[in-house]
Amino acid sequence: MKILVFIKQVADSEARIIISADHKSLEIENKYTLNFFDEFAVEEAIRIKEKFKDSQITVCTFGAKRSIEALRTTIAMGADRAFLIDNTQYPSENPMVVATILARFAQQEGFDIILCGRQAMDDENAQLGSMIAELLSIPHISAIMKLEIIGDKKVRVENEIEGGRATIEVTLPALFTTQKGLNEPRVPLITGVMKAMKATIPVIDPLTLGLTKEELDSYAAMMHLFSYEPPPSRPPVKIIEGETPEEKVNKLIKILKEDAKVL
């Protein structure tokens, strides 16, 4: 079974991020990591391979040269191969551009299952998985909580819906996005880390995937970034004084009615 995992390297949650004076770009501290939700995709791929020994796990990302470190993390966990599609000439975060490039890679590489995280922790757009599936004309189930291969070409998955869970059977090839609760990502062993350090990770120019510059430029023109804005500042904490709990509750109710106007 050929398992393809798409990942993204994102800024670490503790990295310092500053919005430029013109609000058009970000200055990000040099702290990057494998996207949180992508860890579940890599772990699930490894678990499938542990059950089906003839499986092969290929991991790919479209990103900057530094993304090789995130790819090495997946190899340390247990992936077999990794590829970086270099975004130096096309640094666009436009999901249509990224989805088109990754879908073309998937067509050339071949696959039975595609796994990727539910969303990236930096842009939070949660669009890429469904876009890739549409471009490949394959079924897509998002935010799965359980995956079970029940036949040669059939998979049963569960995902959360309002008020419960849905169980869905899908014929392969198919794409699934993963979220917390699907599994517990493993910590790489030292042997895996050593393997990852020695691994050769090919760097691919997106134009070698059968795409043209004009085609990518046309997709990039579909979306324009106007500005980055910081989140609104939180109001200061207000401590409610009182001699007794009852007095504090009465003051709180008064504030909710008269100041917050939520009652």
C-alpha atoms as a PDB file:
ATOM      1  CA  MET A   1       0.000   0.000   0.000  1.00  0.00           C
ATOM      2  CA  LYS A   2       1.332   3.436  -0.968  1.00  0.00           C
ATOM      3  CA  ILE A   3       0.718   6.023   1.729  1.00  0.00           C
ATOM      4  CA  LEU A   4       1.317   9.681   0.956  1.00  0.00           C
ATOM      5  CA  VAL A   5       1.467  12.234   3.781  1.00  0.00           C
ATOM      6  CA  PHE A   6       1.443  15.984   3.199  1.00  0.00           C
ATOM      7  CA  ILE A   7       2.883  18.097   6.004  1.00  0.00           C
ATOM      8  CA  LYS A   8       3.788  21.711   6.732  1.00  0.00           C
ATOM      9  CA  GLN A   9       6.484  23.342   8.816  1.00  0.00           C
ATOM     10  CA  VAL A  10       5.009  26.152  10.917  1.00  0.00           C
ATOM     11  CA  ALA A  11       6.286  28.689  13.407  1.00  0.00           C
ATOM     12  CA  ASP A  12       6.686  27.279  16.902  1.00  0.00           C
ATOM     13  CA  SER A  13       3.906  28.340  19.269  1.00  0.00           C
ATOM     14  CA  GLU A  14       6.530  30.124  21.400  1.00  0.00           C
ATOM     15  CA  ALA A  15       8.153  31.962  18.482  1.00  0.00           C
ATOM     16  CA  ARG A  16       8.053  35.747  18.528  1.00  0.00           C
ATOM     17  CA  ILE A  17       5.988  37.150  15.643  1.00  0.00           C
ATOM     18  CA  ILE A  18       5.976  40.832  14.749  1.00  0.00           C
ATOM     19  CA  ILE A  19       3.724  42.483  12.162  1.00  0.00           C
ATOM     20  CA  SER A  20       5.583  44.874   9.868  1.00  0.00           C
ATOM     21  CA  ALA A  21       4.834  48.613   9.950  1.00  0.00           C
ATOM     22  CA  ASP A  22       2.895  48.411   6.675  1.00  0.00           C
ATOM     23  CA  HIS A  23       0.944  45.326   7.893  1.00  0.00           C
ATOM     24  CA  LYS A  24       1.945  43.440   4.735  1.00  0.00           C
ATOM     25  CA  SER A  25       4.440  40.923   6.166  1.00  0.00           C
ATOM     26  CA  LEU A  26       5.499  39.129   9.323  1.00  0.00           C
ATOM     27  CA  GLU A  27       8.828  38.935  11.093  1.00  0.00           C
ATOM     28  CA  ILE A  28       9.026  35.459  12.632  1.00  0.00           C
ATOM     29  CA  GLU A  29      11.626  34.303  15.110  1.00  0.00           C
ATOM     30  CA  ASN A  30      13.694  31.400  13.784  1.00  0.00           C
ATOM     31  CA  LYS A  31      11.765  28.722  15.672  1.00  0.00           C
ATOM     32  CA  TYR A  32       9.885  26.267  13.509  1.00  0.00           C
ATOM     33  CA  THR A  33       8.315  22.873  14.023  1.00  0.00           C
ATOM     34  CA  LEU A  34       6.198  20.190  12.361  1.00  0.00           C
ATOM     35  CA  ASN A  35       2.553  21.267  12.239  1.00  0.00           C
ATOM     36  CA  PHE A  36       0.627  19.889  15.241  1.00  0.00           C
ATOM     37  CA  PHE A  37      -2.168  18.176  13.278  1.00  0.00           C
ATOM     38  CA  ASP A  38       0.294  16.699  10.767  1.00  0.00           C
ATOM     39  CA  GLU A  39       1.895  14.637  13.537  1.00  0.00           C
ATOM     40  CA  PHE A  40      -1.305  12.593  13.750  1.00  0.00           C
ATOM     41  CA  ALA A  41      -1.209  12.000   9.989  1.00  0.00           C
ATOM     42  CA  VAL A  42       2.380  10.723  10.133  1.00  0.00           C
ATOM     43  CA  GLU A  43       1.625   8.518  13.146  1.00  0.00           C
ATOM     44  CA  GLU A  44      -1.429   7.003  11.453  1.00  0.00           C
ATOM     45  CA  ALA A  45       0.610   6.246   8.338  1.00  0.00           C
ATOM     46  CA  ILE A  46       3.178   4.432  10.464  1.00  0.00           C
ATOM     47  CA  ARG A  47       0.461   2.406  12.211  1.00  0.00           C
ATOM     48  CA  ILE A  48      -0.940   1.355   8.850  1.00  0.00           C
ATOM     49  CA  LYS A  49       2.515   0.244   7.767  1.00  0.00           C
ATOM     50  CA  GLU A  50       2.938  -1.759  10.968  1.00  0.00           C
ATOM     51  CA  LYS A  51      -0.178  -3.752  10.017  1.00  0.00           C
ATOM     52  CA  PHE A  52       0.594  -3.977   6.298  1.00  0.00           C
ATOM     53  CA  LYS A  53       4.332  -4.627   6.069  1.00  0.00           C
ATOM     54  CA  ASP A  54       4.570  -4.047   2.315  1.00  0.00           C
ATOM     55  CA  SER A  55       3.382  -0.430   2.704  1.00  0.00           C
ATOM     56  CA  GLN A  56       5.563   2.543   1.853  1.00  0.00           C
ATOM     57  CA  ILE A  57       5.240   5.969   3.494  1.00  0.00           C
ATOM     58  CA  THR A  58       6.198   9.024   1.439  1.00  0.00           C
ATOM     59  CA  VAL A  59       6.089  12.453   3.071  1.00  0.00           C
ATOM     60  CA  CYS A  60       6.062  15.679   1.082  1.00  0.00           C
ATOM     61  CA  THR A  61       5.820  19.386   1.778  1.00  0.00           C
ATOM     62  CA  PHE A  62       5.749  22.557  -0.283  1.00  0.00           C
ATOM     63  CA  GLY A  63       7.837  25.109   1.557  1.00  0.00           C
ATOM     64  CA  ALA A  64      11.125  26.856   2.226  1.00  0.00           C
ATOM     65  CA  LYS A  65      14.461  25.044   2.431  1.00  0.00           C
ATOM     66  CA  ARG A  66      14.236  25.054   6.237  1.00  0.00           C
ATOM     67  CA  SER A  67      11.241  22.681   5.919  1.00  0.00           C
ATOM     68  CA  ILE A  68      13.729  19.858   5.448  1.00  0.00           C
ATOM     69  CA  GLU A  69      14.010  19.742   9.255  1.00  0.00           C
ATOM     70  CA  ALA A  70      10.298  18.964   9.558  1.00  0.00           C
ATOM     71  CA  LEU A  71      10.709  16.248   6.933  1.00  0.00           C
ATOM     72  CA  ARG A  72      13.588  14.763   8.921  1.00  0.00           C
ATOM     73  CA  THR A  73      11.278  14.610  11.936  1.00  0.00           C
ATOM     74  CA  THR A  74       8.844  12.433   9.969  1.00  0.00           C
ATOM     75  CA  ILE A  75      11.661  10.107   8.888  1.00  0.00           C
ATOM     76  CA  ALA A  76      12.797   9.843  12.504  1.00  0.00           C
ATOM     77  CA  MET A  77       9.250   8.832  13.426  1.00  0.00           C
ATOM     78  CA  GLY A  78       9.209   6.086  10.780  1.00  0.00           C
ATOM     79  CA  ALA A  79       8.482   7.465   7.311  1.00  0.00           C
ATOM     80  CA  ASP A  80      10.391   5.828   4.443  1.00  0.00           C
ATOM     81  CA  ARG A  81      10.951   8.742   2.048  1.00  0.00           C
ATOM     82  CA  ALA A  82      10.595  12.513   2.068  1.00  0.00           C
ATOM     83  CA  PHE A  83      10.489  15.204  -0.618  1.00  0.00           C
ATOM     84  CA  LEU A  84      10.659  18.980  -0.437  1.00  0.00           C
ATOM     85  CA  ILE A  85       8.967  20.965  -3.180  1.00  0.00           C
ATOM     86  CA  ASP A  86      10.886  24.241  -3.087  1.00  0.00           C
ATOM     87  CA  ASN A  87       8.736  27.369  -2.836  1.00  0.00           C
ATOM     88  CA  THR A  88      11.595  29.828  -3.420  1.00  0.00           C
ATOM     89  CA  GLN A  89      10.133  31.074  -6.700  1.00  0.00           C
ATOM     90  CA  TYR A  90       6.509  30.687  -5.570  1.00  0.00           C
ATOM     91  CA  PRO A  91       6.345  31.634  -1.881  1.00  0.00           C
ATOM     92  CA  SER A  92       2.579  32.118  -2.129  1.00  0.00           C
ATOM     93  CA  GLU A  93       0.402  30.923   0.775  1.00  0.00           C
ATOM     94  CA  ASN A  94      -2.537  30.793  -1.633  1.00  0.00           C
ATOM     95  CA  PRO A  95      -4.092  27.374  -0.880  1.00  0.00           C
ATOM     96  CA  MET A  96      -5.044  26.912  -4.545  1.00  0.00           C
ATOM     97  CA  VAL A  97      -1.401  27.203  -5.592  1.00  0.00           C
ATOM     98  CA  VAL A  98      -0.230  24.815  -2.872  1.00  0.00           C
ATOM     99  CA  ALA A  99      -3.038  22.315  -3.513  1.00  0.00           C
ATOM    100  CA  THR A 100      -2.351  22.298  -7.271  1.00  0.00           C
ATOM    101  CA  ILE A 101       1.359  21.601  -6.728  1.00  0.00           C
ATOM    102  CA  LEU A 102       0.781  18.867  -4.135  1.00  0.00           C
ATOM    103  CA  ALA A 103      -1.959  17.236  -6.211  1.00  0.00           C
ATOM    104  CA  ARG A 104       0.376  17.099  -9.204  1.00  0.00           C
ATOM    105  CA  PHE A 105       3.078  15.508  -7.024  1.00  0.00           C
ATOM    106  CA  ALA A 106       0.531  12.918  -5.853  1.00  0.00           C
ATOM    107  CA  GLN A 107      -0.397  12.093  -9.451  1.00  0.00           C
ATOM    108  CA  GLN A 108       3.226  11.491 -10.381  1.00  0.00           C
ATOM    109  CA  GLU A 109       4.095   9.611  -7.180  1.00  0.00           C
ATOM    110  CA  GLY A 110       1.001   7.411  -7.034  1.00  0.00           C
ATOM    111  CA  PHE A 111      -0.929   6.598  -3.855  1.00  0.00           C
ATOM    112  CA  ASP A 112      -3.612   4.516  -2.198  1.00  0.00           C
ATOM    113  CA  ILE A 113      -4.138   6.757   0.838  1.00  0.00           C
ATOM    114  CA  ILE A 114      -3.324  10.440   1.367  1.00  0.00           C
ATOM    115  CA  LEU A 115      -3.161  11.753   4.917  1.00  0.00           C
ATOM    116  CA  CYS A 116      -2.685  15.335   6.072  1.00  0.00           C
ATOM    117  CA  GLY A 117      -3.474  17.397   9.130  1.00  0.00           C
ATOM    118  CA  ARG A 118      -6.899  18.937   9.600  1.00  0.00           C
ATOM    119  CA  GLN A 119      -5.398  22.423   9.348  1.00  0.00           C
ATOM    120  CA  ALA A 120      -2.135  24.298   9.694  1.00  0.00           C
ATOM    121  CA  MET A 121      -1.553  26.051  12.991  1.00  0.00           C
ATOM    122  CA  ASP A 122      -0.344  29.246  11.301  1.00  0.00           C
ATOM    123  CA  ASP A 123      -3.086  30.160   8.817  1.00  0.00           C
ATOM    124  CA  GLU A 124      -5.869  27.909  10.220  1.00  0.00           C
ATOM    125  CA  ASN A 125      -7.608  27.816   6.822  1.00  0.00           C
ATOM    126  CA  ALA A 126      -8.358  24.040   6.805  1.00  0.00           C
ATOM    127  CA  GLN A 127      -8.813  24.087   3.021  1.00  0.00           C
ATOM    128  CA  LEU A 128      -5.856  22.202   1.635  1.00  0.00           C
ATOM    129  CA  GLY A 129      -7.019  18.608   2.147  1.00  0.00           C
ATOM    130  CA  SER A 130     -10.387  19.066   0.465  1.00  0.00           C
ATOM    131  CA  MET A 131      -8.804  21.055  -2.387  1.00  0.00           C
ATOM    132  CA  ILE A 132      -6.246  18.333  -3.117  1.00  0.00           C
ATOM    133  CA  ALA A 133      -8.972  15.671  -3.076  1.00  0.00           C
ATOM    134  CA  GLU A 134     -11.112  17.654  -5.501  1.00  0.00           C
ATOM    135  CA  LEU A 135      -8.191  18.181  -7.872  1.00  0.00           C
ATOM    136  CA  LEU A 136      -7.494  14.437  -7.777  1.00  0.00           C
ATOM    137  CA  SER A 137     -11.205  13.525  -8.035  1.00  0.00           C
ATOM    138  CA  ILE A 138     -11.029  11.205  -5.014  1.00  0.00           C
ATOM    139  CA  PRO A 139     -13.189  10.884  -1.867  1.00  0.00           C
ATOM    140  CA  HIS A 140     -12.265  13.044   1.124  1.00  0.00           C
ATOM    141  CA  ILE A 141     -13.214  12.744   4.800  1.00  0.00           C
ATOM    142  CA  SER A 142     -12.094  15.509   7.138  1.00  0.00           C
ATOM    143  CA  ALA A 143     -11.032  15.499  10.800  1.00  0.00           C
ATOM    144  CA  ILE A 144     -11.153  11.742  11.301  1.00  0.00           C
ATOM    145  CA  MET A 145     -11.018  10.238  14.798  1.00  0.00           C
ATOM    146  CA  LYS A 146     -10.582   6.588  13.770  1.00  0.00           C
ATOM    147  CA  LEU A 147      -9.310   4.774  10.684  1.00  0.00           C
ATOM    148  CA  GLU A 148      -9.636   1.048   9.974  1.00  0.00           C
ATOM    149  CA  ILE A 149      -8.701  -0.738   6.759  1.00  0.00           C
ATOM    150  CA  ILE A 150     -11.405  -3.386   6.290  1.00  0.00           C
ATOM    151  CA  GLY A 151     -10.566  -4.718   2.857  1.00  0.00           C
ATOM    152  CA  ASP A 152      -8.162  -4.587  -0.036  1.00  0.00           C
ATOM    153  CA  LYS A 153      -9.600  -1.285  -1.238  1.00  0.00           C
ATOM    154  CA  LYS A 154     -11.942  -0.150   1.528  1.00  0.00           C
ATOM    155  CA  VAL A 155     -11.497   1.956   4.681  1.00  0.00           C
ATOM    156  CA  ARG A 156     -13.891   2.646   7.535  1.00  0.00           C
ATOM    157  CA  VAL A 157     -13.403   5.971   9.343  1.00  0.00           C
ATOM    158  CA  GLU A 158     -15.116   7.920  12.081  1.00  0.00           C
ATOM    159  CA  ASN A 159     -15.342  11.662  12.472  1.00  0.00           C
ATOM    160  CA  GLU A 160     -17.180  13.969  14.820  1.00  0.00           C
ATOM    161  CA  ILE A 161     -20.485  15.527  13.890  1.00  0.00           C
ATOM    162  CA  GLU A 162     -22.796  17.690  15.948  1.00  0.00           C
ATOM    163  CA  GLY A 163     -24.074  15.557  18.788  1.00  0.00           C
ATOM    164  CA  GLY A 164     -22.051  12.442  18.017  1.00  0.00           C
ATOM    165  CA  ARG A 165     -19.872  10.608  15.533  1.00  0.00           C
ATOM    166  CA  ALA A 166     -20.359   9.463  11.953  1.00  0.00           C
ATOM    167  CA  THR A 167     -19.042   6.146  10.622  1.00  0.00           C
ATOM    168  CA  ILE A 168     -18.216   6.208   6.923  1.00  0.00           C
ATOM    169  CA  GLU A 169     -16.868   3.565   4.529  1.00  0.00           C
ATOM    170  CA  VAL A 170     -14.721   4.805   1.678  1.00  0.00           C
ATOM    171  CA  THR A 171     -13.291   3.058  -1.357  1.00  0.00           C
ATOM    172  CA  LEU A 172      -9.620   3.769  -1.981  1.00  0.00           C
ATOM    173  CA  PRO A 173      -7.866   5.834  -3.209  1.00  0.00           C
ATOM    174  CA  ALA A 174      -9.022   8.512  -0.787  1.00  0.00           C
ATOM    175  CA  LEU A 175      -7.765  11.439   1.281  1.00  0.00           C
ATOM    176  CA  PHE A 176      -8.248  11.876   5.017  1.00  0.00           C
ATOM    177  CA  THR A 177      -7.400  14.817   7.270  1.00  0.00           C
ATOM    178  CA  THR A 178      -6.444  14.032  10.843  1.00  0.00           C
ATOM    179  CA  GLN A 179      -7.005  15.643  14.210  1.00  0.00           C
ATOM    180  CA  LYS A 180      -6.239  15.189  17.891  1.00  0.00           C
ATOM    181  CA  GLY A 181      -7.804  12.028  19.275  1.00  0.00           C
ATOM    182  CA  LEU A 182      -7.001   9.819  16.289  1.00  0.00           C
ATOM    183  CA  ASN A 183      -3.802   8.513  17.901  1.00  0.00           C
ATOM    184  CA  GLU A 184      -0.870   9.460  20.106  1.00  0.00           C
ATOM    185  CA  PRO A 185       2.156  10.472  17.988  1.00  0.00           C
ATOM    186  CA  ARG A 186       5.312   8.631  18.996  1.00  0.00           C
ATOM    187  CA  VAL A 187       8.552  10.193  20.173  1.00  0.00           C
ATOM    188  CA  PRO A 188      11.298   9.209  17.697  1.00  0.00           C
ATOM    189  CA  LEU A 189      13.884   6.728  18.949  1.00  0.00           C
ATOM    190  CA  ILE A 190      17.571   7.615  18.729  1.00  0.00           C
ATOM    191  CA  THR A 191      17.946   5.094  15.899  1.00  0.00           C
ATOM    192  CA  GLY A 192      15.254   6.938  13.963  1.00  0.00           C
ATOM    193  CA  VAL A 193      16.927  10.276  14.616  1.00  0.00           C
ATOM    194  CA  MET A 194      20.244   8.916  13.320  1.00  0.00           C
ATOM    195  CA  LYS A 195      18.521   7.575  10.211  1.00  0.00           C
ATOM    196  CA  ALA A 196      16.860  10.935   9.624  1.00  0.00           C
ATOM    197  CA  MET A 197      20.154  12.824   9.933  1.00  0.00           C
ATOM    198  CA  LYS A 198      21.703  10.650   7.217  1.00  0.00           C
ATOM    199  CA  ALA A 199      18.669  10.634   4.912  1.00  0.00           C
ATOM    200  CA  THR A 200      18.869  12.311   1.519  1.00  0.00           C
ATOM    201  CA  ILE A 201      15.831  14.485   0.903  1.00  0.00           C
ATOM    202  CA  PRO A 202      15.366  15.442  -2.762  1.00  0.00           C
ATOM    203  CA  VAL A 203      14.390  19.047  -3.494  1.00  0.00           C
ATOM    204  CA  ILE A 204      11.917  19.435  -6.353  1.00  0.00           C
ATOM    205  CA  ASP A 205      11.245  22.460  -8.534  1.00  0.00           C
ATOM    206  CA  PRO A 206       7.437  22.714  -8.932  1.00  0.00           C
ATOM    207  CA  LEU A 207       7.843  23.406 -12.656  1.00  0.00           C
ATOM    208  CA  THR A 208       9.258  19.881 -13.100  1.00  0.00           C
ATOM    209  CA  LEU A 209       5.838  18.501 -12.084  1.00  0.00           C
ATOM    210  CA  GLY A 210       4.298  19.454 -15.392  1.00  0.00           C
ATOM    211  CA  LEU A 211       3.070  22.854 -14.237  1.00  0.00           C
ATOM    212  CA  THR A 212       3.760  26.145 -15.975  1.00  0.00           C
ATOM    213  CA  LYS A 213       4.654  29.490 -14.442  1.00  0.00           C
ATOM    214  CA  GLU A 214       1.623  31.043 -16.117  1.00  0.00           C
ATOM    215  CA  GLU A 215      -0.666  28.447 -14.564  1.00  0.00           C
ATOM    216  CA  LEU A 216       0.713  29.019 -11.063  1.00  0.00           C
ATOM    217  CA  ASP A 217       0.607  32.793 -11.511  1.00  0.00           C
ATOM    218  CA  SER A 218      -3.047  32.620 -12.519  1.00  0.00           C
ATOM    219  CA  TYR A 219      -3.906  30.696  -9.351  1.00  0.00           C
ATOM    220  CA  ALA A 220      -1.834  33.067  -7.204  1.00  0.00           C
ATOM    221  CA  ALA A 221      -3.791  36.011  -8.628  1.00  0.00           C
ATOM    222  CA  MET A 222      -7.032  34.554  -7.253  1.00  0.00           C
ATOM    223  CA  MET A 223      -6.260  35.687  -3.705  1.00  0.00           C
ATOM    224  CA  HIS A 224      -4.741  38.921  -2.402  1.00  0.00           C
ATOM    225  CA  LEU A 225      -3.447  39.598   1.101  1.00  0.00           C
ATOM    226  CA  PHE A 226      -4.540  43.040   2.263  1.00  0.00           C
ATOM    227  CA  SER A 227      -3.042  43.165   5.752  1.00  0.00           C
ATOM    228  CA  TYR A 228      -2.055  41.359   8.912  1.00  0.00           C
ATOM    229  CA  GLU A 229      -3.766  42.573  12.058  1.00  0.00           C
ATOM    230  CA  PRO A 230      -2.973  41.728  15.690  1.00  0.00           C
ATOM    231  CA  PRO A 231      -5.725  40.189  17.823  1.00  0.00           C
ATOM    232  CA  PRO A 232      -7.694  42.666  19.950  1.00  0.00           C
ATOM    233  CA  SER A 233      -6.181  43.275  23.356  1.00  0.00           C
ATOM    234  CA  ARG A 234      -7.924  41.607  26.247  1.00  0.00           C
ATOM    235  CA  PRO A 235      -9.660  43.845  28.794  1.00  0.00           C
ATOM    236  CA  PRO A 236      -8.064  43.971  32.228  1.00  0.00           C
ATOM    237  CA  VAL A 237      -9.199  41.461  34.840  1.00  0.00           C
ATOM    238  CA  LYS A 238     -11.722  42.878  37.290  1.00  0.00           C
ATOM    239  CA  ILE A 239     -11.675  41.516  40.823  1.00  0.00           C
ATOM    240  CA  ILE A 240     -15.063  41.573  42.545  1.00  0.00           C
ATOM    241  CA  GLU A 241     -14.752  42.503  46.188  1.00  0.00           C
ATOM    242  CA  GLY A 242     -17.183  41.493  48.922  1.00  0.00           C
ATOM    243  CA  GLU A 243     -17.457  40.291  52.486  1.00  0.00           C
ATOM    244  CA  THR A 244     -19.457  37.167  51.618  1.00  0.00           C
ATOM    245  CA  PRO A 245     -19.978  34.952  48.543  1.00  0.00           C
ATOM    246  CA  GLU A 246     -23.558  36.232  48.314  1.00  0.00           C
ATOM    247  CA  GLU A 247     -22.381  39.849  48.165  1.00  0.00           C
ATOM    248  CA  LYS A 248     -19.861  38.988  45.429  1.00  0.00           C
ATOM    249  CA  VAL A 249     -22.518  37.161  43.390  1.00  0.00           C
ATOM    250  CA  ASN A 250     -24.901  40.135  43.649  1.00  0.00           C
ATOM    251  CA  LYS A 251     -22.145  42.488  42.464  1.00  0.00           C
ATOM    252  CA  LEU A 252     -21.284  40.131  39.592  1.00  0.00           C
ATOM    253  CA  ILE A 253     -24.917  39.978  38.456  1.00  0.00           C
ATOM    254  CA  LYS A 254     -25.110  43.772  38.554  1.00  0.00           C
ATOM    255  CA  ILE A 255     -21.970  44.084  36.419  1.00  0.00           C
ATOM    256  CA  LEU A 256     -23.267  41.537  33.896  1.00  0.00           C
ATOM    257  CA  LYS A 257     -26.536  43.442  33.631  1.00  0.00           C
ATOM    258  CA  GLU A 258     -25.394  47.052  33.649  1.00  0.00           C
ATOM    259  CA  ASP A 259     -21.829  46.970  32.251  1.00  0.00           C
ATOM    260  CA  ALA A 260     -21.521  43.848  30.091  1.00  0.00           C
ATOM    261  CA  LYS A 261     -25.254  43.856  29.230  1.00  0.00           C
ATOM    262  CA  VAL A 262     -25.317  40.084  28.771  1.00  0.00           C
ATOM    263  CA  LEU A 263     -28.229  39.480  31.183  1.00  0.00           C
END
